[in-house]
Amino acid sequence: MKKIASVIVATALAFGLSGCALLYPNWDTNQNPETSQSAEPTESASESASASPTSAPKSKASVRISDAYSDASAGMLSVVAEVTNVTQDGGTCTLILQNGNTTKRLPFKAEANVNTTQCHPMDVPLTGLTKGTALVSVEYESSTHFGVSAAQSVVIP
């Protein structure tokens, strides 16, 4: 009787263990049942890098300085500039001032005008600037455009 019971238990155990292979959903793989699986596919590092959007190159902005002068009585250096081929809000005009051995970059707002983008008045105090000739240029940048004007000289009294 014990022998029959042992045979029955051994047979049941053999069928039970072999049944796991029949019930295991990943036939012909070497993956362990303990390895978690998700229903959604995952991306590898190389796939996610190639799938990410790249930043588009910016279009050229044509920046023009219409006036640059120093006013000793007001104590200000003033620059007036515009972007002639773009009409948009949200960009930034940066005054680049080369004076003596120093270069300053001063940001100013820009806004759409009738058919251009106008830089807000760019006024810089003359105090602290070296007397003589300075060079000014204006850089415009928005989410879609970028450009720099030609440099223009201004006499600092």
N, C-alpha and C. Protein backbone atom coordinates (compact mmCIF):
# COMPACT_ATOMS: atom_id res chain seq x y z
N MET A 1 0.80 -1.16 0.00
CA MET A 1 0.00 0.00 0.00
C MET A 1 0.86 1.25 0.00
N LYS A 2 1.93 1.23 0.82
CA LYS A 2 2.82 2.36 0.85
C LYS A 2 3.51 2.55 -0.49
N LYS A 3 3.81 1.41 -1.11
CA LYS A 3 4.48 1.49 -2.38
C LYS A 3 3.57 2.10 -3.43
N ILE A 4 2.32 1.75 -3.41
CA ILE A 4 1.35 2.29 -4.36
C ILE A 4 1.15 3.78 -4.10
N ALA A 5 1.07 4.15 -2.85
CA ALA A 5 0.89 5.56 -2.49
C ALA A 5 2.11 6.37 -2.94
N SER A 6 3.31 5.82 -2.79
CA SER A 6 4.54 6.50 -3.21
C SER A 6 4.56 6.69 -4.72
N VAL A 7 4.11 5.64 -5.45
CA VAL A 7 4.06 5.72 -6.91
C VAL A 7 3.04 6.77 -7.33
N ILE A 8 1.90 6.82 -6.67
CA ILE A 8 0.86 7.79 -7.01
C ILE A 8 1.38 9.21 -6.75
N VAL A 9 2.04 9.42 -5.61
CA VAL A 9 2.57 10.75 -5.27
C VAL A 9 3.65 11.15 -6.26
N ALA A 10 4.54 10.22 -6.60
CA ALA A 10 5.61 10.50 -7.55
C ALA A 10 5.05 10.82 -8.93
N THR A 11 4.04 10.06 -9.35
CA THR A 11 3.41 10.31 -10.64
C THR A 11 2.70 11.66 -10.65
N ALA A 12 1.98 11.95 -9.58
CA ALA A 12 1.27 13.23 -9.49
C ALA A 12 2.26 14.39 -9.51
N LEU A 13 3.38 14.20 -8.78
CA LEU A 13 4.40 15.23 -8.74
C LEU A 13 5.03 15.42 -10.13
N ALA A 14 5.30 14.34 -10.82
CA ALA A 14 5.90 14.41 -12.16
C ALA A 14 4.95 15.11 -13.13
N PHE A 15 3.68 14.73 -13.10
CA PHE A 15 2.71 15.38 -13.97
C PHE A 15 2.51 16.84 -13.57
N GLY A 16 2.52 17.09 -12.28
CA GLY A 16 2.33 18.47 -11.80
C GLY A 16 3.46 19.37 -12.26
N LEU A 17 4.69 18.87 -12.15
CA LEU A 17 5.83 19.69 -12.58
C LEU A 17 5.90 19.83 -14.09
N SER A 18 5.57 18.77 -14.81
CA SER A 18 5.59 18.87 -16.27
C SER A 18 4.43 19.73 -16.75
N GLY A 19 3.38 19.79 -15.98
CA GLY A 19 2.24 20.64 -16.33
C GLY A 19 2.60 22.12 -16.28
N CYS A 20 3.59 22.47 -15.44
CA CYS A 20 4.02 23.88 -15.37
C CYS A 20 4.51 24.35 -16.73
N ALA A 21 5.23 23.46 -17.42
CA ALA A 21 5.74 23.83 -18.73
C ALA A 21 4.59 24.03 -19.71
N LEU A 22 3.53 23.25 -19.54
CA LEU A 22 2.39 23.40 -20.43
C LEU A 22 1.61 24.67 -20.13
N LEU A 23 1.60 25.08 -18.88
CA LEU A 23 0.85 26.26 -18.51
C LEU A 23 1.68 27.55 -18.61
N TYR A 24 2.99 27.42 -18.68
CA TYR A 24 3.86 28.58 -18.73
C TYR A 24 3.70 29.26 -20.09
N PRO A 25 3.40 30.56 -20.13
CA PRO A 25 3.04 31.22 -21.39
C PRO A 25 4.21 31.53 -22.32
N ASN A 26 5.44 31.34 -21.90
CA ASN A 26 6.58 31.70 -22.75
C ASN A 26 7.34 30.48 -23.23
N TRP A 27 6.72 29.66 -24.06
CA TRP A 27 7.38 28.48 -24.58
C TRP A 27 8.60 28.91 -25.39
N ASP A 28 9.57 28.07 -25.41
CA ASP A 28 10.78 28.27 -26.20
C ASP A 28 11.55 29.55 -25.84
N THR A 29 11.50 29.94 -24.58
CA THR A 29 12.32 31.06 -24.12
C THR A 29 13.14 30.61 -22.94
N ASN A 30 14.15 31.36 -22.62
CA ASN A 30 14.95 31.05 -21.46
C ASN A 30 14.66 32.01 -20.32
N GLN A 31 13.55 32.70 -20.40
CA GLN A 31 13.18 33.66 -19.37
C GLN A 31 12.61 32.95 -18.16
N ASN A 32 13.03 33.38 -16.99
CA ASN A 32 12.54 32.77 -15.75
C ASN A 32 11.13 33.25 -15.46
N PRO A 33 10.31 32.41 -14.84
CA PRO A 33 8.96 32.84 -14.49
C PRO A 33 8.97 33.99 -13.49
N GLU A 34 10.06 34.14 -12.71
CA GLU A 34 10.11 35.22 -11.73
C GLU A 34 10.35 36.58 -12.38
N THR A 35 10.84 36.59 -13.63
CA THR A 35 11.12 37.86 -14.31
C THR A 35 9.79 38.54 -14.60
N SER A 36 9.67 39.78 -14.15
CA SER A 36 8.40 40.48 -14.37
C SER A 36 8.30 40.87 -15.84
N GLN A 37 7.11 40.83 -16.32
CA GLN A 37 6.86 41.21 -17.70
C GLN A 37 5.75 42.24 -17.70
N SER A 38 5.88 43.21 -18.56
CA SER A 38 4.81 44.19 -18.68
C SER A 38 4.08 43.95 -19.98
N ALA A 39 2.85 44.37 -20.00
CA ALA A 39 2.05 44.19 -21.21
C ALA A 39 2.47 45.18 -22.28
N GLU A 40 3.15 46.27 -21.88
CA GLU A 40 3.55 47.28 -22.85
C GLU A 40 5.01 47.09 -23.22
N PRO A 41 5.34 47.27 -24.50
CA PRO A 41 6.74 47.15 -24.90
C PRO A 41 7.55 48.32 -24.35
N THR A 42 8.81 48.07 -24.11
CA THR A 42 9.68 49.15 -23.64
C THR A 42 10.68 49.49 -24.73
N GLU A 43 11.20 50.72 -24.68
CA GLU A 43 12.17 51.16 -25.65
C GLU A 43 13.57 50.94 -25.11
N SER A 44 14.46 50.58 -25.98
CA SER A 44 15.86 50.51 -25.57
C SER A 44 16.44 51.91 -25.60
N ALA A 45 17.61 52.10 -25.04
CA ALA A 45 18.23 53.43 -24.99
C ALA A 45 18.46 53.98 -26.39
N SER A 46 18.89 53.16 -27.32
CA SER A 46 19.15 53.66 -28.67
C SER A 46 17.86 54.02 -29.39
N GLU A 47 16.79 53.26 -29.13
CA GLU A 47 15.53 53.59 -29.77
C GLU A 47 14.97 54.89 -29.24
N SER A 48 15.05 55.11 -27.92
CA SER A 48 14.48 56.33 -27.36
C SER A 48 15.29 57.54 -27.78
N ALA A 49 16.59 57.39 -27.98
CA ALA A 49 17.41 58.53 -28.41
C ALA A 49 17.06 58.92 -29.83
N SER A 50 16.83 57.93 -30.69
CA SER A 50 16.51 58.26 -32.07
C SER A 50 15.06 58.71 -32.22
N ALA A 51 14.20 58.35 -31.29
CA ALA A 51 12.80 58.73 -31.40
C ALA A 51 12.55 60.14 -30.84
N SER A 52 13.48 60.68 -30.05
CA SER A 52 13.25 62.00 -29.47
C SER A 52 13.36 63.06 -30.55
N PRO A 53 12.52 64.09 -30.46
CA PRO A 53 12.55 65.13 -31.49
C PRO A 53 13.82 65.96 -31.35
N THR A 54 14.38 66.34 -32.48
CA THR A 54 15.55 67.21 -32.45
C THR A 54 15.07 68.65 -32.64
N SER A 55 15.81 69.59 -32.08
CA SER A 55 15.39 70.98 -32.22
C SER A 55 15.65 71.42 -33.65
N ALA A 56 14.66 72.05 -34.21
CA ALA A 56 14.75 72.50 -35.59
C ALA A 56 15.67 73.72 -35.67
N PRO A 57 16.42 73.86 -36.75
CA PRO A 57 17.27 75.04 -36.89
C PRO A 57 16.41 76.29 -36.99
N LYS A 58 16.94 77.38 -36.48
CA LYS A 58 16.19 78.64 -36.50
C LYS A 58 16.39 79.35 -37.83
N SER A 59 15.36 80.05 -38.26
CA SER A 59 15.44 80.85 -39.48
C SER A 59 16.26 82.11 -39.21
N LYS A 60 16.83 82.67 -40.27
CA LYS A 60 17.67 83.86 -40.14
C LYS A 60 16.81 85.10 -39.92
N ALA A 61 17.17 85.85 -38.90
CA ALA A 61 16.52 87.13 -38.64
C ALA A 61 17.43 88.23 -39.18
N SER A 62 16.87 89.16 -39.94
CA SER A 62 17.63 90.30 -40.48
C SER A 62 17.49 91.47 -39.51
N VAL A 63 18.55 91.71 -38.74
CA VAL A 63 18.53 92.75 -37.71
C VAL A 63 19.22 93.99 -38.26
N ARG A 64 18.58 95.14 -38.08
CA ARG A 64 19.11 96.40 -38.60
C ARG A 64 19.10 97.45 -37.49
N ILE A 65 20.24 98.09 -37.28
CA ILE A 65 20.30 99.23 -36.35
C ILE A 65 19.92 100.46 -37.15
N SER A 66 18.85 101.14 -36.75
CA SER A 66 18.44 102.34 -37.46
C SER A 66 19.07 103.60 -36.88
N ASP A 67 19.48 103.55 -35.61
CA ASP A 67 20.15 104.71 -35.02
C ASP A 67 20.93 104.27 -33.79
N ALA A 68 22.12 104.82 -33.65
CA ALA A 68 22.95 104.58 -32.48
C ALA A 68 23.71 105.87 -32.19
N TYR A 69 23.52 106.42 -31.01
CA TYR A 69 24.14 107.70 -30.68
C TYR A 69 24.31 107.83 -29.17
N SER A 70 25.21 108.73 -28.78
CA SER A 70 25.35 109.05 -27.36
C SER A 70 24.87 110.48 -27.16
N ASP A 71 24.17 110.68 -26.08
CA ASP A 71 23.63 111.99 -25.73
C ASP A 71 24.25 112.40 -24.39
N ALA A 72 25.26 113.27 -24.47
CA ALA A 72 25.99 113.67 -23.26
C ALA A 72 25.08 114.41 -22.27
N SER A 73 24.16 115.24 -22.78
CA SER A 73 23.28 116.00 -21.87
C SER A 73 22.33 115.08 -21.11
N ALA A 74 21.89 114.00 -21.75
CA ALA A 74 21.00 113.04 -21.08
C ALA A 74 21.82 111.97 -20.36
N GLY A 75 23.11 111.88 -20.69
CA GLY A 75 23.97 110.88 -20.06
C GLY A 75 23.64 109.46 -20.49
N MET A 76 23.19 109.31 -21.74
CA MET A 76 22.76 107.99 -22.23
C MET A 76 23.36 107.67 -23.60
N LEU A 77 23.60 106.39 -23.79
CA LEU A 77 23.89 105.82 -25.10
C LEU A 77 22.59 105.18 -25.54
N SER A 78 22.11 105.52 -26.72
CA SER A 78 20.82 104.99 -27.21
C SER A 78 21.01 104.25 -28.52
N VAL A 79 20.34 103.11 -28.62
CA VAL A 79 20.38 102.31 -29.85
C VAL A 79 18.94 101.94 -30.20
N VAL A 80 18.59 102.15 -31.47
CA VAL A 80 17.26 101.80 -31.98
C VAL A 80 17.48 100.73 -33.05
N ALA A 81 16.79 99.59 -32.92
CA ALA A 81 16.97 98.49 -33.88
C ALA A 81 15.65 97.79 -34.13
N GLU A 82 15.63 97.07 -35.26
CA GLU A 82 14.44 96.29 -35.63
C GLU A 82 14.85 95.06 -36.41
N VAL A 83 13.93 94.10 -36.44
CA VAL A 83 14.11 92.89 -37.25
C VAL A 83 13.19 93.07 -38.44
N THR A 84 13.77 93.17 -39.62
CA THR A 84 13.00 93.58 -40.79
C THR A 84 12.22 92.46 -41.47
N ASN A 85 12.57 91.21 -41.22
CA ASN A 85 11.90 90.11 -41.94
C ASN A 85 11.01 89.25 -41.04
N VAL A 86 10.76 89.70 -39.81
CA VAL A 86 9.96 88.91 -38.87
C VAL A 86 9.00 89.86 -38.15
N THR A 87 7.76 89.41 -37.96
CA THR A 87 6.79 90.15 -37.16
C THR A 87 6.28 89.19 -36.09
N GLN A 88 6.82 89.36 -34.85
CA GLN A 88 6.42 88.45 -33.78
C GLN A 88 6.72 89.05 -32.42
N ASP A 89 5.97 88.59 -31.43
CA ASP A 89 6.21 88.95 -30.04
C ASP A 89 7.01 87.82 -29.40
N GLY A 90 7.61 88.12 -28.26
CA GLY A 90 8.25 87.07 -27.47
C GLY A 90 9.74 86.91 -27.69
N GLY A 91 10.33 87.64 -28.61
CA GLY A 91 11.77 87.52 -28.83
C GLY A 91 12.54 88.47 -27.91
N THR A 92 13.85 88.38 -27.98
CA THR A 92 14.72 89.23 -27.18
C THR A 92 15.76 89.88 -28.07
N CYS A 93 15.93 91.18 -27.90
CA CYS A 93 17.00 91.91 -28.54
C CYS A 93 18.10 92.08 -27.51
N THR A 94 19.31 91.72 -27.86
CA THR A 94 20.44 91.86 -26.94
C THR A 94 21.41 92.86 -27.53
N LEU A 95 21.64 93.95 -26.80
CA LEU A 95 22.61 94.96 -27.21
C LEU A 95 23.99 94.44 -26.83
N ILE A 96 24.88 94.37 -27.81
CA ILE A 96 26.26 93.96 -27.56
C ILE A 96 27.10 95.22 -27.68
N LEU A 97 27.68 95.65 -26.56
CA LEU A 97 28.43 96.89 -26.47
C LEU A 97 29.89 96.58 -26.20
N GLN A 98 30.75 96.90 -27.16
CA GLN A 98 32.20 96.72 -26.99
C GLN A 98 32.80 98.08 -26.73
N ASN A 99 33.29 98.28 -25.51
CA ASN A 99 33.81 99.57 -25.08
C ASN A 99 35.12 99.34 -24.35
N GLY A 100 36.21 99.88 -24.94
CA GLY A 100 37.53 99.62 -24.35
C GLY A 100 37.84 98.14 -24.42
N ASN A 101 38.23 97.55 -23.30
CA ASN A 101 38.51 96.11 -23.24
C ASN A 101 37.32 95.31 -22.72
N THR A 102 36.15 95.94 -22.65
CA THR A 102 34.98 95.31 -22.05
C THR A 102 33.89 95.08 -23.10
N THR A 103 33.23 93.94 -23.00
CA THR A 103 32.05 93.66 -23.83
C THR A 103 30.89 93.40 -22.90
N LYS A 104 29.80 94.14 -23.10
CA LYS A 104 28.59 93.95 -22.30
C LYS A 104 27.48 93.44 -23.20
N ARG A 105 26.67 92.52 -22.66
CA ARG A 105 25.49 92.00 -23.36
C ARG A 105 24.28 92.36 -22.52
N LEU A 106 23.44 93.22 -23.06
CA LEU A 106 22.28 93.73 -22.31
C LEU A 106 20.99 93.35 -23.03
N PRO A 107 20.14 92.52 -22.41
CA PRO A 107 18.90 92.07 -23.07
C PRO A 107 17.77 93.11 -22.95
N PHE A 108 16.98 93.20 -24.01
CA PHE A 108 15.80 94.08 -24.06
C PHE A 108 14.66 93.32 -24.72
N LYS A 109 13.44 93.68 -24.38
CA LYS A 109 12.27 93.05 -24.99
C LYS A 109 12.14 93.43 -26.46
N ALA A 110 11.41 92.61 -27.17
CA ALA A 110 11.08 92.89 -28.57
C ALA A 110 9.60 92.60 -28.75
N GLU A 111 8.97 93.35 -29.64
CA GLU A 111 7.54 93.12 -29.90
C GLU A 111 7.21 93.39 -31.35
N ALA A 112 6.12 92.79 -31.79
CA ALA A 112 5.69 92.95 -33.18
C ALA A 112 5.24 94.38 -33.42
N ASN A 113 5.64 94.88 -34.57
CA ASN A 113 5.18 96.17 -35.04
C ASN A 113 4.30 95.88 -36.25
N VAL A 114 3.99 96.84 -37.07
CA VAL A 114 3.09 96.61 -38.21
C VAL A 114 3.61 95.50 -39.12
N ASN A 115 4.85 95.62 -39.60
CA ASN A 115 5.40 94.56 -40.46
C ASN A 115 6.85 94.23 -40.12
N THR A 116 7.28 94.58 -38.91
CA THR A 116 8.61 94.24 -38.41
C THR A 116 8.51 93.85 -36.95
N THR A 117 9.65 93.49 -36.37
CA THR A 117 9.72 93.30 -34.93
C THR A 117 10.61 94.41 -34.40
N GLN A 118 10.10 95.17 -33.49
CA GLN A 118 10.80 96.33 -32.95
C GLN A 118 11.45 96.00 -31.61
N CYS A 119 12.72 96.35 -31.46
CA CYS A 119 13.38 96.22 -30.17
C CYS A 119 12.95 97.40 -29.30
N HIS A 120 12.69 97.16 -28.01
CA HIS A 120 12.38 98.26 -27.11
C HIS A 120 13.57 99.20 -27.08
N PRO A 121 13.36 100.46 -26.72
CA PRO A 121 14.50 101.40 -26.68
C PRO A 121 15.64 100.86 -25.81
N MET A 122 16.82 100.85 -26.39
CA MET A 122 18.00 100.33 -25.70
C MET A 122 18.84 101.52 -25.24
N ASP A 123 18.63 101.91 -24.00
CA ASP A 123 19.33 103.05 -23.41
C ASP A 123 20.27 102.55 -22.32
N VAL A 124 21.52 102.98 -22.40
CA VAL A 124 22.55 102.58 -21.45
C VAL A 124 23.19 103.84 -20.87
N PRO A 125 23.30 103.94 -19.56
CA PRO A 125 23.96 105.11 -18.97
C PRO A 125 25.42 105.23 -19.43
N LEU A 126 25.87 106.46 -19.70
CA LEU A 126 27.25 106.69 -20.12
C LEU A 126 28.24 106.53 -18.96
N THR A 127 27.75 106.67 -17.74
CA THR A 127 28.65 106.52 -16.60
C THR A 127 29.24 105.11 -16.59
N GLY A 128 30.53 105.04 -16.41
CA GLY A 128 31.21 103.75 -16.39
C GLY A 128 31.73 103.32 -17.75
N LEU A 129 31.35 104.03 -18.82
CA LEU A 129 31.85 103.69 -20.15
C LEU A 129 33.13 104.48 -20.42
N THR A 130 34.05 103.87 -21.15
CA THR A 130 35.31 104.51 -21.50
C THR A 130 35.09 105.48 -22.65
N LYS A 131 35.67 106.68 -22.51
CA LYS A 131 35.55 107.69 -23.59
C LYS A 131 36.27 107.19 -24.83
N GLY A 132 35.73 107.54 -25.97
CA GLY A 132 36.31 107.12 -27.24
C GLY A 132 35.27 106.44 -28.09
N THR A 133 35.71 105.60 -29.00
CA THR A 133 34.79 104.93 -29.92
C THR A 133 34.41 103.56 -29.36
N ALA A 134 33.12 103.30 -29.36
CA ALA A 134 32.59 102.00 -28.95
C ALA A 134 31.91 101.36 -30.15
N LEU A 135 31.82 100.05 -30.13
CA LEU A 135 31.08 99.33 -31.18
C LEU A 135 29.81 98.75 -30.58
N VAL A 136 28.70 98.90 -31.31
CA VAL A 136 27.44 98.31 -30.87
C VAL A 136 26.91 97.41 -31.98
N SER A 137 26.30 96.32 -31.58
CA SER A 137 25.55 95.46 -32.50
C SER A 137 24.36 94.92 -31.72
N VAL A 138 23.38 94.42 -32.43
CA VAL A 138 22.17 93.91 -31.79
C VAL A 138 21.92 92.50 -32.28
N GLU A 139 21.68 91.62 -31.32
CA GLU A 139 21.37 90.22 -31.60
C GLU A 139 19.89 90.02 -31.31
N TYR A 140 19.18 89.34 -32.21
CA TYR A 140 17.76 89.02 -31.98
C TYR A 140 17.62 87.51 -31.91
N GLU A 141 16.85 87.05 -30.91
CA GLU A 141 16.58 85.62 -30.81
C GLU A 141 15.16 85.39 -30.31
N SER A 142 14.49 84.47 -30.98
CA SER A 142 13.17 84.01 -30.55
C SER A 142 13.18 82.49 -30.64
N SER A 143 12.04 81.88 -30.42
CA SER A 143 11.98 80.42 -30.52
C SER A 143 12.16 79.94 -31.96
N THR A 144 11.97 80.83 -32.94
CA THR A 144 12.05 80.42 -34.34
C THR A 144 13.10 81.15 -35.17
N HIS A 145 13.65 82.26 -34.66
CA HIS A 145 14.57 83.08 -35.46
C HIS A 145 15.80 83.50 -34.66
N PHE A 146 16.89 83.73 -35.39
CA PHE A 146 18.12 84.23 -34.77
C PHE A 146 18.88 85.05 -35.81
N GLY A 147 19.46 86.18 -35.35
CA GLY A 147 20.28 87.00 -36.24
C GLY A 147 21.02 88.08 -35.48
N VAL A 148 22.07 88.61 -36.10
CA VAL A 148 22.89 89.66 -35.50
C VAL A 148 23.08 90.75 -36.55
N SER A 149 22.98 91.99 -36.10
CA SER A 149 23.18 93.14 -36.99
C SER A 149 24.65 93.33 -37.27
N ALA A 150 24.92 94.18 -38.22
CA ALA A 150 26.30 94.63 -38.46
C ALA A 150 26.67 95.56 -37.30
N ALA A 151 27.97 95.60 -36.98
CA ALA A 151 28.44 96.48 -35.91
C ALA A 151 28.45 97.93 -36.40
N GLN A 152 28.20 98.83 -35.48
CA GLN A 152 28.19 100.25 -35.80
C GLN A 152 28.98 100.98 -34.70
N SER A 153 29.77 101.97 -35.11
CA SER A 153 30.56 102.68 -34.11
C SER A 153 29.79 103.87 -33.55
N VAL A 154 30.06 104.16 -32.27
CA VAL A 154 29.42 105.28 -31.57
C VAL A 154 30.52 105.95 -30.75
N VAL A 155 30.55 107.27 -30.75
CA VAL A 155 31.53 108.02 -29.97
C VAL A 155 30.98 108.23 -28.57
N ILE A 156 31.77 107.83 -27.57
CA ILE A 156 31.40 108.02 -26.17
C ILE A 156 32.13 109.28 -25.69
N PRO A 157 31.39 110.36 -25.35
CA PRO A 157 32.04 111.63 -24.96
C PRO A 157 32.70 111.55 -23.57
